C-alpha atoms as a PDB file:
ATOM      1  CA  MET A   1      -7.167   5.671 -20.478  1.00  0.00           C
ATOM      2  CA  VAL A   2      -4.726   8.454 -21.302  1.00  0.00           C
ATOM      3  CA  GLU A   3      -2.628   9.375 -18.257  1.00  0.00           C
ATOM      4  CA  GLY A   4      -3.475  12.848 -17.031  1.00  0.00           C
ATOM      5  CA  SER A   5      -6.719  13.149 -18.997  1.00  0.00           C
ATOM      6  CA  PRO A   6      -9.802  14.123 -16.990  1.00  0.00           C
ATOM      7  CA  LEU A   7     -12.347  11.401 -16.335  1.00  0.00           C
ATOM      8  CA  ARG A   8     -16.090  11.817 -16.141  1.00  0.00           C
ATOM      9  CA  ALA A   9     -17.765  11.071 -12.826  1.00  0.00           C
ATOM     10  CA  ASP A  10     -19.110   7.722 -14.074  1.00  0.00           C
ATOM     11  CA  ALA A  11     -15.675   6.738 -15.375  1.00  0.00           C
ATOM     12  CA  LEU A  12     -14.147   7.586 -11.982  1.00  0.00           C
ATOM     13  CA  ARG A  13     -16.774   5.439 -10.248  1.00  0.00           C
ATOM     14  CA  ASN A  14     -16.097   2.571 -12.658  1.00  0.00           C
ATOM     15  CA  ARG A  15     -12.363   2.880 -12.097  1.00  0.00           C
ATOM     16  CA  ALA A  16     -12.810   2.754  -8.314  1.00  0.00           C
ATOM     17  CA  ARG A  17     -15.164  -0.235  -8.562  1.00  0.00           C
ATOM     18  CA  ILE A  18     -12.692  -2.038 -10.818  1.00  0.00           C
ATOM     19  CA  LEU A  19      -9.830  -1.425  -8.388  1.00  0.00           C
ATOM     20  CA  ASP A  20     -11.924  -2.549  -5.411  1.00  0.00           C
ATOM     21  CA  ALA A  21     -12.992  -5.707  -7.219  1.00  0.00           C
ATOM     22  CA  ALA A  22      -9.450  -6.385  -8.442  1.00  0.00           C
ATOM     23  CA  GLU A  23      -8.042  -6.222  -4.917  1.00  0.00           C
ATOM     24  CA  THR A  24     -10.567  -8.814  -3.774  1.00  0.00           C
ATOM     25  CA  VAL A  25     -10.177 -11.073  -6.808  1.00  0.00           C
ATOM     26  CA  PHE A  26      -6.366 -11.036  -6.692  1.00  0.00           C
ATOM     27  CA  ALA A  27      -6.357 -11.675  -2.945  1.00  0.00           C
ATOM     28  CA  GLU A  28      -8.701 -14.653  -3.400  1.00  0.00           C
ATOM     29  CA  SER A  29      -7.343 -16.177  -6.601  1.00  0.00           C
ATOM     30  CA  GLY A  30      -3.714 -15.056  -6.826  1.00  0.00           C
ATOM     31  CA  PRO A  31      -2.116 -15.568 -10.243  1.00  0.00           C
ATOM     32  CA  ARG A  32      -5.234 -17.396 -11.491  1.00  0.00           C
ATOM     33  CA  ALA A  33      -7.281 -14.211 -11.113  1.00  0.00           C
ATOM     34  CA  SER A  34      -8.884 -13.155 -14.349  1.00  0.00           C
ATOM     35  CA  THR A  35      -9.793  -9.729 -15.577  1.00  0.00           C
ATOM     36  CA  GLU A  36     -13.144 -11.203 -16.569  1.00  0.00           C
ATOM     37  CA  GLU A  37     -13.847 -11.971 -12.903  1.00  0.00           C
ATOM     38  CA  VAL A  38     -12.724  -8.462 -11.966  1.00  0.00           C
ATOM     39  CA  ALA A  39     -15.170  -7.020 -14.503  1.00  0.00           C
ATOM     40  CA  ARG A  40     -17.998  -9.258 -13.270  1.00  0.00           C
ATOM     41  CA  ARG A  41     -17.491  -8.261  -9.633  1.00  0.00           C
ATOM     42  CA  ALA A  42     -17.114  -4.599 -10.520  1.00  0.00           C
ATOM     43  CA  GLY A  43     -20.361  -4.739 -12.497  1.00  0.00           C
ATOM     44  CA  VAL A  44     -18.762  -3.487 -15.701  1.00  0.00           C
ATOM     45  CA  ALA A  45     -18.027  -4.910 -19.132  1.00  0.00           C
ATOM     46  CA  ILE A  46     -14.589  -6.393 -19.764  1.00  0.00           C
ATOM     47  CA  GLY A  47     -13.985  -3.606 -22.294  1.00  0.00           C
ATOM     48  CA  THR A  48     -14.389  -1.068 -19.499  1.00  0.00           C
ATOM     49  CA  VAL A  49     -11.678  -2.820 -17.504  1.00  0.00           C
ATOM     50  CA  PHE A  50      -9.333  -2.791 -20.501  1.00  0.00           C
ATOM     51  CA  ARG A  51     -10.141   0.823 -21.291  1.00  0.00           C
ATOM     52  CA  HIS A  52      -8.898   1.820 -17.837  1.00  0.00           C
ATOM     53  CA  PHE A  53      -6.194  -0.845 -17.507  1.00  0.00           C
ATOM     54  CA  PRO A  54      -4.926  -2.270 -20.814  1.00  0.00           C
ATOM     55  CA  THR A  55      -2.960  -5.043 -19.063  1.00  0.00           C
ATOM     56  CA  LYS A  56      -3.159  -6.981 -15.825  1.00  0.00           C
ATOM     57  CA  SER A  57       0.139  -5.333 -14.846  1.00  0.00           C
ATOM     58  CA  ASP A  58      -1.444  -1.901 -15.328  1.00  0.00           C
ATOM     59  CA  LEU A  59      -4.268  -2.951 -13.031  1.00  0.00           C
ATOM     60  CA  LEU A  60      -1.877  -4.261 -10.376  1.00  0.00           C
ATOM     61  CA  THR A  61       0.257  -1.124 -10.567  1.00  0.00           C
ATOM     62  CA  ALA A  62      -2.849   1.044 -10.150  1.00  0.00           C
ATOM     63  CA  ILE A  63      -3.754  -0.904  -7.013  1.00  0.00           C
ATOM     64  CA  MET A  64      -0.312  -0.179  -5.570  1.00  0.00           C
ATOM     65  CA  LYS A  65      -0.481   3.510  -6.509  1.00  0.00           C
ATOM     66  CA  ARG A  66      -3.886   3.812  -4.882  1.00  0.00           C
ATOM     67  CA  LEU A  67      -2.590   2.094  -1.761  1.00  0.00           C
ATOM     68  CA  LEU A  68       0.306   4.531  -1.471  1.00  0.00           C
ATOM     69  CA  VAL A  69      -2.012   7.520  -1.933  1.00  0.00           C
ATOM     70  CA  GLN A  70      -4.324   6.102   0.740  1.00  0.00           C
ATOM     71  CA  LEU A  71      -1.396   5.553   3.104  1.00  0.00           C
ATOM     72  CA  VAL A  72      -0.346   9.194   2.726  1.00  0.00           C
ATOM     73  CA  GLU A  73      -3.914  10.261   3.526  1.00  0.00           C
ATOM     74  CA  ASP A  74      -4.006   7.891   6.512  1.00  0.00           C
ATOM     75  CA  ALA A  75      -0.757   9.367   7.824  1.00  0.00           C
ATOM     76  CA  GLY A  76      -2.544  12.687   8.215  1.00  0.00           C
ATOM     77  CA  THR A  77      -4.998  11.172  10.707  1.00  0.00           C
ATOM     78  CA  GLN A  78      -2.750   8.884  12.767  1.00  0.00           C
ATOM     79  CA  ASP A  79       0.240   9.044  15.075  1.00  0.00           C
ATOM     80  CA  LEU A  80       3.533   7.448  14.054  1.00  0.00           C
ATOM     81  CA  TYR A  81       3.014   4.191  15.941  1.00  0.00           C
ATOM     82  CA  THR A  82      -0.554   3.670  14.731  1.00  0.00           C
ATOM     83  CA  PHE A  83       0.481   4.467  11.170  1.00  0.00           C
ATOM     84  CA  PHE A  84       3.471   2.107  11.339  1.00  0.00           C
ATOM     85  CA  ALA A  85       1.255  -0.770  12.521  1.00  0.00           C
ATOM     86  CA  HIS A  86      -1.388   0.096   9.888  1.00  0.00           C
ATOM     87  CA  MET A  87       1.197   0.083   7.104  1.00  0.00           C
ATOM     88  CA  VAL A  88       2.524  -3.330   8.164  1.00  0.00           C
ATOM     89  CA  ALA A  89      -1.021  -4.713   8.153  1.00  0.00           C
ATOM     90  CA  GLU A  90      -1.630  -3.270   4.673  1.00  0.00           C
ATOM     91  CA  ALA A  91       1.600  -4.820   3.400  1.00  0.00           C
ATOM     92  CA  ALA A  92       0.516  -8.237   4.613  1.00  0.00           C
ATOM     93  CA  ALA A  93      -2.930  -7.743   3.059  1.00  0.00           C
ATOM     94  CA  LYS A  94      -1.486  -6.705  -0.314  1.00  0.00           C
ATOM     95  CA  LYS A  95       1.066  -9.525  -0.471  1.00  0.00           C
ATOM     96  CA  THR A  96      -0.667 -11.195  -3.421  1.00  0.00           C
ATOM     97  CA  VAL A  97      -0.639  -8.020  -5.513  1.00  0.00           C
ATOM     98  CA  VAL A  98       3.047  -7.387  -4.794  1.00  0.00           C
ATOM     99  CA  ASP A  99       3.916 -11.007  -5.586  1.00  0.00           C
ATOM    100  CA  LEU A 100       2.006 -10.848  -8.857  1.00  0.00           C
ATOM    101  CA  LEU A 101       3.747  -7.643  -9.881  1.00  0.00           C
ATOM    102  CA  ALA A 102       7.152  -9.082  -9.033  1.00  0.00           C
ATOM    103  CA  GLY A 103       6.339 -12.329 -10.838  1.00  0.00           C
ATOM    104  CA  ALA A 104       5.333 -10.398 -13.936  1.00  0.00           C
ATOM    105  CA  GLY A 105       8.590  -8.459 -13.842  1.00  0.00           C
ATOM    106  CA  VAL A 106       6.725  -5.190 -13.251  1.00  0.00           C
ATOM    107  CA  ASP A 107       8.767  -2.418 -11.689  1.00  0.00           C
ATOM    108  CA  ILE A 108       6.665  -1.258  -8.741  1.00  0.00           C
ATOM    109  CA  ARG A 109       8.922   1.591  -7.746  1.00  0.00           C
ATOM    110  CA  LEU A 110       6.675   4.619  -7.690  1.00  0.00           C
ATOM    111  CA  PRO A 111       9.051   7.464  -6.824  1.00  0.00           C
ATOM    112  CA  ASP A 112       6.472  10.263  -6.566  1.00  0.00           C
ATOM    113  CA  ALA A 113       4.149   8.248  -4.358  1.00  0.00           C
ATOM    114  CA  VAL A 114       7.022   7.002  -2.195  1.00  0.00           C
ATOM    115  CA  ALA A 115       8.353  10.564  -1.833  1.00  0.00           C
ATOM    116  CA  ALA A 116       4.913  11.725  -0.666  1.00  0.00           C
ATOM    117  CA  LEU A 117       4.800   8.826   1.790  1.00  0.00           C
ATOM    118  CA  GLU A 118       8.260   9.717   3.111  1.00  0.00           C
ATOM    119  CA  GLN A 119       7.135  13.328   3.635  1.00  0.00           C
ATOM    120  CA  ALA A 120       4.070  12.140   5.536  1.00  0.00           C
ATOM    121  CA  VAL A 121       6.176   9.822   7.701  1.00  0.00           C
ATOM    122  CA  GLY A 122       8.616  12.684   8.320  1.00  0.00           C
ATOM    123  CA  LYS A 123       5.772  14.825   9.608  1.00  0.00           C
ATOM    124  CA  LEU A 124       4.571  12.015  11.887  1.00  0.00           C
ATOM    125  CA  LEU A 125       8.129  11.527  13.136  1.00  0.00           C
ATOM    126  CA  ARG A 126       8.528  15.227  13.995  1.00  0.00           C
ATOM    127  CA  GLN A 127       5.189  15.187  15.825  1.00  0.00           C
ATOM    128  CA  ALA A 128       6.225  12.098  17.805  1.00  0.00           C
ATOM    129  CA  GLN A 129       9.582  13.658  18.649  1.00  0.00           C
ATOM    130  CA  ASP A 130       7.911  16.897  19.738  1.00  0.00           C
ATOM    131  CA  ALA A 131       5.584  14.844  21.950  1.00  0.00           C
ATOM    132  CA  GLY A 132       8.571  12.995  23.431  1.00  0.00           C
ATOM    133  CA  THR A 133       7.425   9.541  22.262  1.00  0.00           C
ATOM    134  CA  VAL A 134      10.305   9.024  19.814  1.00  0.00           C
ATOM    135  CA  SER A 135      13.978   9.798  20.363  1.00  0.00           C
ATOM    136  CA  THR A 136      15.107  13.037  18.730  1.00  0.00           C
ATOM    137  CA  GLU A 137      18.062  11.111  17.278  1.00  0.00           C
ATOM    138  CA  VAL A 138      15.809   9.061  14.990  1.00  0.00           C
ATOM    139  CA  GLN A 139      15.814  10.211  11.366  1.00  0.00           C
ATOM    140  CA  VAL A 140      13.100   9.778   8.755  1.00  0.00           C
ATOM    141  CA  ARG A 141      15.318   7.575   6.562  1.00  0.00           C
ATOM    142  CA  GLU A 142      15.735   5.203   9.501  1.00  0.00           C
ATOM    143  CA  VAL A 143      11.986   5.037  10.035  1.00  0.00           C
ATOM    144  CA  MET A 144      11.421   4.426   6.321  1.00  0.00           C
ATOM    145  CA  ALA A 145      14.022   1.626   6.358  1.00  0.00           C
ATOM    146  CA  LEU A 146      12.323   0.049   9.380  1.00  0.00           C
ATOM    147  CA  LEU A 147       8.933   0.346   7.691  1.00  0.00           C
ATOM    148  CA  ALA A 148      10.247  -1.245   4.506  1.00  0.00           C
ATOM    149  CA  SER A 149      11.909  -4.078   6.409  1.00  0.00           C
ATOM    150  CA  VAL A 150       8.960  -4.893   8.629  1.00  0.00           C
ATOM    151  CA  CYS A 151       6.516  -4.639   5.702  1.00  0.00           C
ATOM    152  CA  GLN A 152       8.735  -6.986   3.688  1.00  0.00           C
ATOM    153  CA  GLY A 153       8.709  -9.431   6.587  1.00  0.00           C
ATOM    154  CA  ALA A 154       4.931  -9.218   6.822  1.00  0.00           C
ATOM    155  CA  MET A 155       4.656  -9.974   3.112  1.00  0.00           C
ATOM    156  CA  GLN A 156       6.859 -13.059   3.480  1.00  0.00           C
ATOM    157  CA  GLY A 157       4.017 -14.661   5.381  1.00  0.00           C
ATOM    158  CA  GLY A 158       4.050 -16.933   8.377  1.00  0.00           C
ATOM    159  CA  TRP A 159       3.337 -14.104  10.804  1.00  0.00           C
ATOM    160  CA  ASP A 160       0.467 -14.544  13.180  1.00  0.00           C
ATOM    161  CA  GLN A 161      -1.050 -11.621  15.087  1.00  0.00           C
ATOM    162  CA  HIS A 162       1.102 -12.334  18.156  1.00  0.00           C
ATOM    163  CA  LEU A 163       4.374 -12.310  16.204  1.00  0.00           C
ATOM    164  CA  GLN A 164       3.406  -9.153  14.325  1.00  0.00           C
ATOM    165  CA  ALA A 165       2.509  -7.397  17.585  1.00  0.00           C
ATOM    166  CA  ARG A 166       5.790  -8.507  19.179  1.00  0.00           C
ATOM    167  CA  ILE A 167       7.864  -7.290  16.234  1.00  0.00           C
ATOM    168  CA  LEU A 168       6.122  -3.914  16.362  1.00  0.00           C
ATOM    169  CA  GLU A 169       6.736  -3.753  20.114  1.00  0.00           C
ATOM    170  CA  VAL A 170      10.473  -4.320  19.583  1.00  0.00           C
ATOM    171  CA  VAL A 171      10.663  -1.689  16.821  1.00  0.00           C
ATOM    172  CA  PHE A 172       8.689   0.857  18.862  1.00  0.00           C
ATOM    173  CA  ALA A 173      10.889   0.296  21.914  1.00  0.00           C
ATOM    174  CA  GLY A 174      13.921   1.011  19.754  1.00  0.00           C
ATOM    175  CA  LEU A 175      12.402   4.245  18.429  1.00  0.00           C
ATOM    176  CA  ARG A 176      11.807   5.446  21.974  1.00  0.00           C
ATOM    177  CA  ARG A 177      15.252   4.631  23.328  1.00  0.00           C
ATOM    178  CA  LEU A 178      17.787   5.339  20.641  1.00  0.00           C
END
């Protein structure tokens, strides 16, 4: 697929089905995941997968881009605390994809998507500060650093629901009291 070229409706549906299937297959099989299995679960031919995503790295990168776009959309419907917890849960859920990208030496820095996410978090922060639920001294870069750190911790594994909830409680208490 040529970046920036318009896709037909059926091609967009195929692309979405491929990405959905890939997320499931990579989560289940890790590095052993095959593009053939992705194609089978998406209900498309392997050539269709390769037409959209010439390499496994392209497929993994597309999953991450889609996740970031979805997170920006989610930020528009949630408060800061709900969004923070949601993002940590998504990081833990996408651990396999991130690990595979890192293992393949793929640079997953997506500056445009991250900038959009930072803008969305900034808006949530201002709303929380206006509502008096977050200290006015807290800055968006601090929130982004906390998000990155807690998400990284969640991706390291070994967190149960209790530990994750406790870590979020500590972070949220700090945002309120700074």
